[in-house]
C-alpha atoms as a PDB file:
ATOM      1  CA  MET A   1      86.696  83.541 100.069  1.00  0.00           C
ATOM      2  CA  ASP A   2      87.605  85.983 102.807  1.00  0.00           C
ATOM      3  CA  ASN A   3      91.182  84.664 102.870  1.00  0.00           C
ATOM      4  CA  ILE A   4      91.614  85.264  99.123  1.00  0.00           C
ATOM      5  CA  TYR A   5      90.268  88.811  99.485  1.00  0.00           C
ATOM      6  CA  SER A   6      92.685  89.605 102.312  1.00  0.00           C
ATOM      7  CA  LYS A   7      95.612  88.220 100.272  1.00  0.00           C
ATOM      8  CA  CYS A   8      94.637  90.477  97.365  1.00  0.00           C
ATOM      9  CA  GLN A   9      94.498  93.452  99.707  1.00  0.00           C
ATOM     10  CA  GLU A  10      97.938  92.607 101.089  1.00  0.00           C
ATOM     11  CA  GLN A  11      99.349  92.319  97.565  1.00  0.00           C
ATOM     12  CA  GLU A  12      97.851  95.687  96.578  1.00  0.00           C
ATOM     13  CA  ALA A  13      99.267  97.292  99.723  1.00  0.00           C
ATOM     14  CA  ARG A  14     102.749  95.907  98.921  1.00  0.00           C
ATOM     15  CA  GLU A  15     102.519  97.166  95.350  1.00  0.00           C
ATOM     16  CA  GLN A  16     101.524 100.634  96.565  1.00  0.00           C
ATOM     17  CA  ILE A  17     104.431 100.729  98.998  1.00  0.00           C
ATOM     18  CA  MET A  18     106.908  99.588  96.342  1.00  0.00           C
ATOM     19  CA  GLY A  19     105.538 102.101  93.841  1.00  0.00           C
ATOM     20  CA  LYS A  20     105.880 104.898  96.341  1.00  0.00           C
ATOM     21  CA  ALA A  21     109.412 103.788  97.251  1.00  0.00           C
ATOM     22  CA  ALA A  22     110.394 103.784  93.580  1.00  0.00           C
ATOM     23  CA  LEU A  23     109.059 107.301  93.105  1.00  0.00           C
ATOM     24  CA  TYR A  24     110.920 108.571  96.165  1.00  0.00           C
ATOM     25  CA  ALA A  25     114.099 106.803  95.026  1.00  0.00           C
ATOM     26  CA  SER A  26     113.985 108.611  91.684  1.00  0.00           C
ATOM     27  CA  LEU A  27     114.000 112.086  93.253  1.00  0.00           C
ATOM     28  CA  PRO A  28     117.791 112.391  93.778  1.00  0.00           C
ATOM     29  CA  PHE A  29     118.370 111.489  90.125  1.00  0.00           C
ATOM     30  CA  THR A  30     116.132 114.391  89.124  1.00  0.00           C
ATOM     31  CA  VAL A  31     118.462 116.824  90.869  1.00  0.00           C
ATOM     32  CA  LEU A  32     121.549 115.064  89.540  1.00  0.00           C
ATOM     33  CA  VAL A  33     120.359 115.233  85.933  1.00  0.00           C
ATOM     34  CA  THR A  34     119.312 118.895  86.093  1.00  0.00           C
ATOM     35  CA  VAL A  35     122.647 119.909  87.640  1.00  0.00           C
ATOM     36  CA  ALA A  36     124.561 117.922  85.011  1.00  0.00           C
ATOM     37  CA  VAL A  37     122.550 119.489  82.184  1.00  0.00           C
ATOM     38  CA  GLY A  38     123.144 122.935  83.668  1.00  0.00           C
ATOM     39  CA  TYR A  39     126.869 122.311  83.980  1.00  0.00           C
ATOM     40  CA  TYR A  40     127.345 120.964  80.475  1.00  0.00           C
ATOM     41  CA  GLY A  41     125.076 123.625  79.025  1.00  0.00           C
ATOM     42  CA  GLY A  42     127.138 126.273  80.769  1.00  0.00           C
ATOM     43  CA  GLN A  43     130.338 124.659  79.599  1.00  0.00           C
ATOM     44  CA  TRP A  44     129.054 124.738  76.015  1.00  0.00           C
ATOM     45  CA  ILE A  45     128.205 128.440  76.389  1.00  0.00           C
ATOM     46  CA  ASP A  46     131.696 129.061  77.801  1.00  0.00           C
ATOM     47  CA  GLN A  47     133.266 127.396  74.759  1.00  0.00           C
ATOM     48  CA  GLN A  48     131.023 129.120  72.231  1.00  0.00           C
ATOM     49  CA  TYR A  49     131.242 132.652  73.604  1.00  0.00           C
ATOM     50  CA  GLY A  50     134.536 132.624  75.495  1.00  0.00           C
ATOM     51  CA  THR A  51     132.956 133.300  78.881  1.00  0.00           C
ATOM     52  CA  LYS A  52     134.344 131.963  82.140  1.00  0.00           C
ATOM     53  CA  TYR A  53     131.452 131.484  84.560  1.00  0.00           C
ATOM     54  CA  ALA A  54     128.521 130.183  82.532  1.00  0.00           C
ATOM     55  CA  ASN A  55     129.082 126.640  83.833  1.00  0.00           C
ATOM     56  CA  VAL A  56     128.774 127.866  87.439  1.00  0.00           C
ATOM     57  CA  ILE A  57     125.601 129.739  86.554  1.00  0.00           C
ATOM     58  CA  GLY A  58     124.378 126.581  84.820  1.00  0.00           C
ATOM     59  CA  ILE A  59     125.030 124.517  87.950  1.00  0.00           C
ATOM     60  CA  VAL A  60     123.136 126.974  90.146  1.00  0.00           C
ATOM     61  CA  PHE A  61     120.281 127.187  87.657  1.00  0.00           C
ATOM     62  CA  GLY A  62     120.162 123.373  87.325  1.00  0.00           C
ATOM     63  CA  LEU A  63     120.163 122.941  91.094  1.00  0.00           C
ATOM     64  CA  ALA A  64     117.328 125.424  91.488  1.00  0.00           C
ATOM     65  CA  LEU A  65     115.279 123.720  88.775  1.00  0.00           C
ATOM     66  CA  GLY A  66     116.019 120.288  90.225  1.00  0.00           C
ATOM     67  CA  LEU A  67     114.922 121.281  93.713  1.00  0.00           C
ATOM     68  CA  PHE A  68     111.818 122.945  92.311  1.00  0.00           C
ATOM     69  CA  GLU A  69     110.924 119.725  90.476  1.00  0.00           C
ATOM     70  CA  VAL A  70     111.548 117.591  93.564  1.00  0.00           C
ATOM     71  CA  ILE A  71     109.286 119.810  95.661  1.00  0.00           C
ATOM     72  CA  ARG A  72     106.622 119.692  92.940  1.00  0.00           C
ATOM     73  CA  GLN A  73     106.784 115.893  92.782  1.00  0.00           C
ATOM     74  CA  LEU A  74     106.669 115.555  96.572  1.00  0.00           C
ATOM     75  CA  LYS A  75     103.574 117.730  96.740  1.00  0.00           C
ATOM     76  CA  ARG A  76     101.947 115.654  94.003  1.00  0.00           C
ATOM     77  CA  LEU A  77     102.840 112.406  95.806  1.00  0.00           C
ATOM     78  CA  GLU A  78     101.415 113.738  99.037  1.00  0.00           C
ATOM     79  CA  LYS A  79      98.254 114.932  97.300  1.00  0.00           C
ATOM     80  CA  THR A  80      97.576 111.645  95.497  1.00  0.00           C
ATOM     81  CA  ASN A  81      98.403 109.677  98.651  1.00  0.00           C
ATOM     82  CA  LEU A  82      99.735 106.753  96.657  1.00  0.00           C
END
């Protein structure tokens, strides 16, 4: 009985580690997506209004939002201690 219990604990520990690894692995994509959305949003504004630098502003804004979201997720991961 004790052996079965320890195997279940090992399996749960592996699942927690893999879950945490998956969450950490998704963080770079968060920044990538926000920067891409900022760039293409800025490019759309440039085309609609004839501006020249909205895509650069979009990139900077997307990067800032992406980093903010990554920091927020890291704090939440640390707090929940997955």
